[in-house]
């Protein structure tokens, strides 16, 4: 049985408020995978204020859409300040990092092809 299908089955074929998928947790980064396929993933993250992900790379392009709050995404040394309703595409193999200026939620869409 595919655990990922069962995990997200309650999300299929219905309108979902992205903010309701995940809650903030004090001093933490929380994530919830919405879709996990060979061709890509969709994950919702919630970052408490001051939390972040250190610089890393990924072998695939990734789209980040800010659902709530304000975060800074650094790509190849350039900082991009994003707030709710904005998005950015992080190119494959480019170093990037994320930091919560205030708590924020984001949708990460990773395309693997």
N, C-alpha and C. Protein backbone atom coordinates (compact mmCIF):
# COMPACT_ATOMS: atom_id res chain seq x y z
N UNK A 1 0.85 -1.18 0.00
CA UNK A 1 0.00 0.00 0.00
C UNK A 1 0.89 1.25 0.00
N UNK A 2 0.57 2.24 -0.81
CA UNK A 2 1.36 3.46 -0.89
C UNK A 2 0.95 4.41 0.23
N UNK A 3 1.83 4.60 1.20
CA UNK A 3 1.55 5.44 2.36
C UNK A 3 1.28 6.89 1.95
N UNK A 4 2.00 7.41 0.95
CA UNK A 4 1.81 8.80 0.53
C UNK A 4 0.41 9.05 -0.02
N UNK A 5 -0.14 8.08 -0.72
CA UNK A 5 -1.50 8.24 -1.24
C UNK A 5 -2.49 8.32 -0.08
N UNK A 6 -2.35 7.44 0.90
CA UNK A 6 -3.26 7.46 2.04
C UNK A 6 -3.10 8.74 2.87
N UNK A 7 -1.87 9.22 2.98
CA UNK A 7 -1.58 10.42 3.76
C UNK A 7 -2.28 11.65 3.18
N UNK A 8 -2.37 11.74 1.86
CA UNK A 8 -2.95 12.93 1.23
C UNK A 8 -4.32 12.69 0.63
N UNK A 9 -4.88 11.51 0.81
CA UNK A 9 -6.15 11.18 0.20
C UNK A 9 -7.25 12.17 0.59
N UNK A 10 -7.23 12.66 1.82
CA UNK A 10 -8.26 13.60 2.28
C UNK A 10 -8.17 14.96 1.57
N UNK A 11 -7.10 15.21 0.82
CA UNK A 11 -6.94 16.47 0.10
C UNK A 11 -7.44 16.39 -1.35
N UNK A 12 -7.69 15.18 -1.83
CA UNK A 12 -8.04 15.00 -3.24
C UNK A 12 -9.44 15.54 -3.57
N UNK A 13 -9.54 16.14 -4.74
CA UNK A 13 -10.82 16.57 -5.33
C UNK A 13 -11.62 17.52 -4.45
N UNK A 14 -10.94 18.40 -3.75
CA UNK A 14 -11.66 19.40 -2.96
C UNK A 14 -10.82 20.67 -2.83
N UNK A 15 -11.50 21.78 -2.63
CA UNK A 15 -10.81 23.05 -2.42
C UNK A 15 -10.23 23.06 -1.01
N UNK A 16 -8.97 23.46 -0.90
CA UNK A 16 -8.28 23.47 0.39
C UNK A 16 -7.67 24.85 0.61
N UNK A 17 -7.83 25.38 1.80
CA UNK A 17 -7.15 26.61 2.20
C UNK A 17 -5.72 26.22 2.58
N UNK A 18 -4.73 26.69 1.81
CA UNK A 18 -3.33 26.31 2.05
C UNK A 18 -2.90 26.58 3.49
N UNK A 19 -3.39 27.65 4.09
CA UNK A 19 -2.99 27.97 5.46
C UNK A 19 -3.45 26.92 6.46
N UNK A 20 -4.51 26.19 6.14
CA UNK A 20 -5.05 25.21 7.08
C UNK A 20 -4.31 23.87 7.04
N UNK A 21 -3.45 23.67 6.06
CA UNK A 21 -2.75 22.38 5.93
C UNK A 21 -1.74 22.17 7.06
N UNK A 22 -1.17 23.26 7.55
CA UNK A 22 -0.11 23.14 8.55
C UNK A 22 -0.20 24.29 9.54
N UNK A 23 0.18 24.02 10.80
CA UNK A 23 0.18 25.03 11.85
C UNK A 23 1.61 25.39 12.23
N UNK A 24 1.77 26.59 12.74
CA UNK A 24 3.07 27.01 13.26
C UNK A 24 3.35 26.28 14.57
N UNK A 25 4.64 26.03 14.83
CA UNK A 25 5.07 25.50 16.12
C UNK A 25 6.22 26.37 16.61
N UNK A 26 6.17 26.75 17.87
CA UNK A 26 7.17 27.64 18.45
C UNK A 26 8.56 27.05 18.30
N UNK A 27 9.49 27.88 17.83
CA UNK A 27 10.92 27.54 17.66
C UNK A 27 11.15 26.37 16.69
N UNK A 28 10.27 26.21 15.71
CA UNK A 28 10.39 25.03 14.84
C UNK A 28 10.08 25.34 13.39
N UNK A 29 10.48 24.40 12.55
CA UNK A 29 10.08 24.36 11.14
C UNK A 29 9.25 23.09 10.99
N UNK A 30 8.05 23.24 10.46
CA UNK A 30 7.15 22.11 10.30
C UNK A 30 6.85 21.96 8.82
N UNK A 31 6.76 20.72 8.34
CA UNK A 31 6.43 20.50 6.93
C UNK A 31 5.39 19.40 6.78
N UNK A 32 4.65 19.50 5.70
CA UNK A 32 3.66 18.48 5.38
C UNK A 32 3.69 18.26 3.87
N UNK A 33 4.03 17.05 3.48
CA UNK A 33 4.08 16.71 2.07
C UNK A 33 2.67 16.51 1.54
N UNK A 34 2.36 17.20 0.45
CA UNK A 34 1.03 17.13 -0.15
C UNK A 34 1.03 16.15 -1.32
N UNK A 35 2.08 16.19 -2.13
CA UNK A 35 2.22 15.28 -3.27
C UNK A 35 3.67 14.81 -3.33
N UNK A 36 3.85 13.52 -3.58
CA UNK A 36 5.19 12.96 -3.77
C UNK A 36 5.13 11.98 -4.93
N UNK A 37 5.63 12.42 -6.08
CA UNK A 37 5.64 11.61 -7.29
C UNK A 37 7.06 11.54 -7.84
N UNK A 38 7.31 10.62 -8.76
CA UNK A 38 8.63 10.53 -9.41
C UNK A 38 9.00 11.85 -10.08
N UNK A 39 8.02 12.55 -10.61
CA UNK A 39 8.27 13.77 -11.37
C UNK A 39 8.35 15.03 -10.52
N UNK A 40 8.01 14.94 -9.23
CA UNK A 40 8.11 16.10 -8.38
C UNK A 40 7.36 15.97 -7.07
N UNK A 41 7.54 16.98 -6.23
CA UNK A 41 6.88 17.00 -4.93
C UNK A 41 6.26 18.36 -4.68
N UNK A 42 5.25 18.37 -3.82
CA UNK A 42 4.63 19.60 -3.33
C UNK A 42 4.60 19.47 -1.81
N UNK A 43 5.19 20.45 -1.13
CA UNK A 43 5.29 20.42 0.32
C UNK A 43 4.93 21.79 0.88
N UNK A 44 4.21 21.80 2.00
CA UNK A 44 3.89 23.04 2.70
C UNK A 44 4.78 23.10 3.94
N UNK A 45 5.40 24.26 4.17
CA UNK A 45 6.28 24.48 5.32
C UNK A 45 5.73 25.62 6.17
N UNK A 46 5.95 25.54 7.48
CA UNK A 46 5.67 26.64 8.40
C UNK A 46 6.95 26.88 9.21
N UNK A 47 7.47 28.11 9.14
CA UNK A 47 8.69 28.49 9.84
C UNK A 47 8.33 29.46 10.96
N UNK A 48 8.75 29.18 12.19
CA UNK A 48 8.58 30.15 13.25
C UNK A 48 9.60 31.27 13.03
N UNK A 49 9.33 32.44 13.58
CA UNK A 49 10.23 33.59 13.43
C UNK A 49 11.66 33.20 13.84
N UNK A 50 12.61 33.57 12.98
CA UNK A 50 14.02 33.30 13.26
C UNK A 50 14.52 31.95 12.78
N UNK A 51 13.62 31.07 12.41
CA UNK A 51 14.01 29.74 11.93
C UNK A 51 14.41 29.83 10.45
N UNK A 52 15.14 28.85 9.98
CA UNK A 52 15.54 28.86 8.58
C UNK A 52 16.19 27.57 8.16
N UNK A 53 16.54 27.52 6.89
CA UNK A 53 17.28 26.39 6.33
C UNK A 53 18.61 26.92 5.86
N UNK A 54 19.69 26.27 6.27
CA UNK A 54 21.02 26.72 5.87
C UNK A 54 21.23 26.50 4.37
N UNK A 55 22.27 27.14 3.85
CA UNK A 55 22.54 27.08 2.42
C UNK A 55 22.74 25.64 1.96
N UNK A 56 22.09 25.31 0.87
CA UNK A 56 22.18 23.97 0.27
C UNK A 56 21.84 24.09 -1.21
N UNK A 57 21.97 23.01 -1.94
CA UNK A 57 21.57 22.98 -3.35
C UNK A 57 20.60 21.83 -3.56
N UNK A 58 19.89 21.90 -4.66
CA UNK A 58 18.98 20.82 -5.06
C UNK A 58 19.19 20.60 -6.55
N UNK A 59 19.07 19.37 -7.01
CA UNK A 59 19.33 19.08 -8.42
C UNK A 59 18.18 19.45 -9.36
N UNK A 60 17.12 20.06 -8.82
CA UNK A 60 15.95 20.37 -9.62
C UNK A 60 15.49 21.81 -9.35
N UNK A 61 14.80 22.41 -10.33
CA UNK A 61 14.17 23.71 -10.10
C UNK A 61 13.11 23.57 -9.02
N UNK A 62 12.91 24.63 -8.24
CA UNK A 62 11.89 24.62 -7.20
C UNK A 62 11.20 25.98 -7.16
N UNK A 63 9.88 25.95 -7.12
CA UNK A 63 9.08 27.15 -7.00
C UNK A 63 8.66 27.30 -5.54
N UNK A 64 8.86 28.49 -4.98
CA UNK A 64 8.42 28.78 -3.62
C UNK A 64 7.35 29.86 -3.70
N UNK A 65 6.20 29.59 -3.09
CA UNK A 65 5.10 30.55 -3.02
C UNK A 65 4.85 30.84 -1.54
N UNK A 66 4.90 32.11 -1.15
CA UNK A 66 4.70 32.49 0.24
C UNK A 66 3.19 32.57 0.52
N UNK A 67 2.74 31.75 1.44
CA UNK A 67 1.32 31.68 1.80
C UNK A 67 0.97 32.73 2.85
N UNK A 68 1.88 32.92 3.80
CA UNK A 68 1.62 33.80 4.95
C UNK A 68 2.95 34.32 5.48
N UNK A 69 2.96 35.55 5.95
CA UNK A 69 4.13 36.08 6.62
C UNK A 69 5.19 36.66 5.69
N UNK A 70 6.45 36.61 6.16
CA UNK A 70 7.56 37.27 5.46
C UNK A 70 8.83 36.47 5.68
N UNK A 71 9.51 36.14 4.58
CA UNK A 71 10.77 35.40 4.66
C UNK A 71 11.79 35.95 3.68
N UNK A 72 13.04 35.60 3.91
CA UNK A 72 14.12 35.97 3.01
C UNK A 72 14.69 34.69 2.42
N UNK A 73 14.76 34.67 1.09
CA UNK A 73 15.35 33.54 0.38
C UNK A 73 16.60 34.06 -0.32
N UNK A 74 17.72 33.44 -0.01
CA UNK A 74 18.99 33.83 -0.62
C UNK A 74 19.34 32.81 -1.69
N UNK A 75 19.57 33.29 -2.91
CA UNK A 75 19.93 32.42 -4.03
C UNK A 75 21.25 32.92 -4.59
N UNK A 76 22.26 32.07 -4.56
CA UNK A 76 23.60 32.42 -5.06
C UNK A 76 24.09 33.75 -4.49
N UNK A 77 23.86 33.96 -3.19
CA UNK A 77 24.36 35.14 -2.51
C UNK A 77 23.48 36.37 -2.59
N UNK A 78 22.40 36.32 -3.36
CA UNK A 78 21.50 37.47 -3.49
C UNK A 78 20.25 37.23 -2.65
N UNK A 79 19.95 38.17 -1.73
CA UNK A 79 18.77 38.05 -0.88
C UNK A 79 17.51 38.55 -1.59
N UNK A 80 16.45 37.81 -1.41
CA UNK A 80 15.14 38.16 -1.95
C UNK A 80 14.15 38.16 -0.80
N UNK A 81 13.55 39.30 -0.53
CA UNK A 81 12.57 39.43 0.54
C UNK A 81 11.19 39.18 -0.04
N UNK A 82 10.50 38.16 0.49
CA UNK A 82 9.19 37.81 -0.05
C UNK A 82 8.14 37.83 1.04
N UNK A 83 6.94 38.25 0.65
CA UNK A 83 5.82 38.27 1.58
C UNK A 83 4.65 37.50 0.97
N UNK A 84 3.60 37.32 1.76
CA UNK A 84 2.43 36.55 1.33
C UNK A 84 1.96 36.98 -0.05
N UNK A 85 1.73 35.99 -0.90
CA UNK A 85 1.24 36.23 -2.25
C UNK A 85 2.34 36.32 -3.29
N UNK A 86 3.61 36.30 -2.86
CA UNK A 86 4.72 36.38 -3.81
C UNK A 86 5.38 35.01 -3.98
N UNK A 87 6.09 34.87 -5.09
CA UNK A 87 6.77 33.60 -5.38
C UNK A 87 8.13 33.87 -5.98
N UNK A 88 8.97 32.84 -5.95
CA UNK A 88 10.28 32.89 -6.58
C UNK A 88 10.62 31.49 -7.05
N UNK A 89 11.39 31.39 -8.12
CA UNK A 89 11.87 30.10 -8.60
C UNK A 89 13.34 29.98 -8.27
N UNK A 90 13.70 28.93 -7.54
CA UNK A 90 15.09 28.65 -7.21
C UNK A 90 15.63 27.69 -8.26
N UNK A 91 16.63 28.13 -9.04
CA UNK A 91 17.15 27.28 -10.12
C UNK A 91 17.90 26.06 -9.58
N UNK A 92 17.85 25.00 -10.33
CA UNK A 92 18.58 23.77 -10.00
C UNK A 92 20.06 24.08 -9.82
N UNK A 93 20.65 23.42 -8.84
CA UNK A 93 22.10 23.47 -8.57
C UNK A 93 22.62 24.83 -8.12
N UNK A 94 21.75 25.79 -7.83
CA UNK A 94 22.16 27.09 -7.31
C UNK A 94 22.06 27.03 -5.78
N UNK A 95 23.08 27.48 -5.05
CA UNK A 95 22.99 27.46 -3.59
C UNK A 95 21.89 28.41 -3.11
N UNK A 96 21.09 27.94 -2.16
CA UNK A 96 20.01 28.77 -1.64
C UNK A 96 19.81 28.49 -0.14
N UNK A 97 19.24 29.47 0.55
CA UNK A 97 18.94 29.36 1.98
C UNK A 97 17.66 30.13 2.25
N UNK A 98 16.99 29.80 3.37
CA UNK A 98 15.75 30.47 3.74
C UNK A 98 15.82 30.91 5.20
N UNK A 99 15.21 32.07 5.49
CA UNK A 99 15.18 32.60 6.85
C UNK A 99 13.85 33.29 7.09
N UNK A 100 13.23 33.00 8.23
CA UNK A 100 11.96 33.63 8.59
C UNK A 100 12.21 34.95 9.29
N UNK A 101 11.93 36.06 8.62
CA UNK A 101 12.01 37.39 9.22
C UNK A 101 10.92 37.50 10.27
N UNK A 102 9.75 37.04 9.91
CA UNK A 102 8.65 36.81 10.84
C UNK A 102 8.14 35.43 10.49
N UNK A 103 7.30 34.85 11.32
CA UNK A 103 6.86 33.50 10.97
C UNK A 103 6.21 33.54 9.59
N UNK A 104 6.47 32.48 8.82
CA UNK A 104 5.88 32.42 7.49
C UNK A 104 5.61 30.99 7.06
N UNK A 105 4.66 30.86 6.15
CA UNK A 105 4.32 29.57 5.54
C UNK A 105 4.61 29.68 4.05
N UNK A 106 5.07 28.57 3.50
CA UNK A 106 5.36 28.56 2.07
C UNK A 106 4.97 27.22 1.45
N UNK A 107 4.68 27.28 0.17
CA UNK A 107 4.42 26.09 -0.63
C UNK A 107 5.65 25.88 -1.49
N UNK A 108 6.25 24.71 -1.43
CA UNK A 108 7.42 24.37 -2.23
C UNK A 108 7.01 23.34 -3.28
N UNK A 109 7.21 23.70 -4.55
CA UNK A 109 6.92 22.79 -5.66
C UNK A 109 8.25 22.46 -6.32
N UNK A 110 8.67 21.20 -6.22
CA UNK A 110 9.94 20.74 -6.79
C UNK A 110 9.63 19.94 -8.04
N UNK A 111 10.20 20.37 -9.16
CA UNK A 111 9.99 19.69 -10.44
C UNK A 111 11.24 18.86 -10.74
N UNK A 112 11.06 17.55 -10.92
CA UNK A 112 12.18 16.64 -11.08
C UNK A 112 12.42 16.21 -12.52
N UNK A 113 11.88 16.90 -13.48
CA UNK A 113 12.11 16.49 -14.87
C UNK A 113 12.39 17.70 -15.73
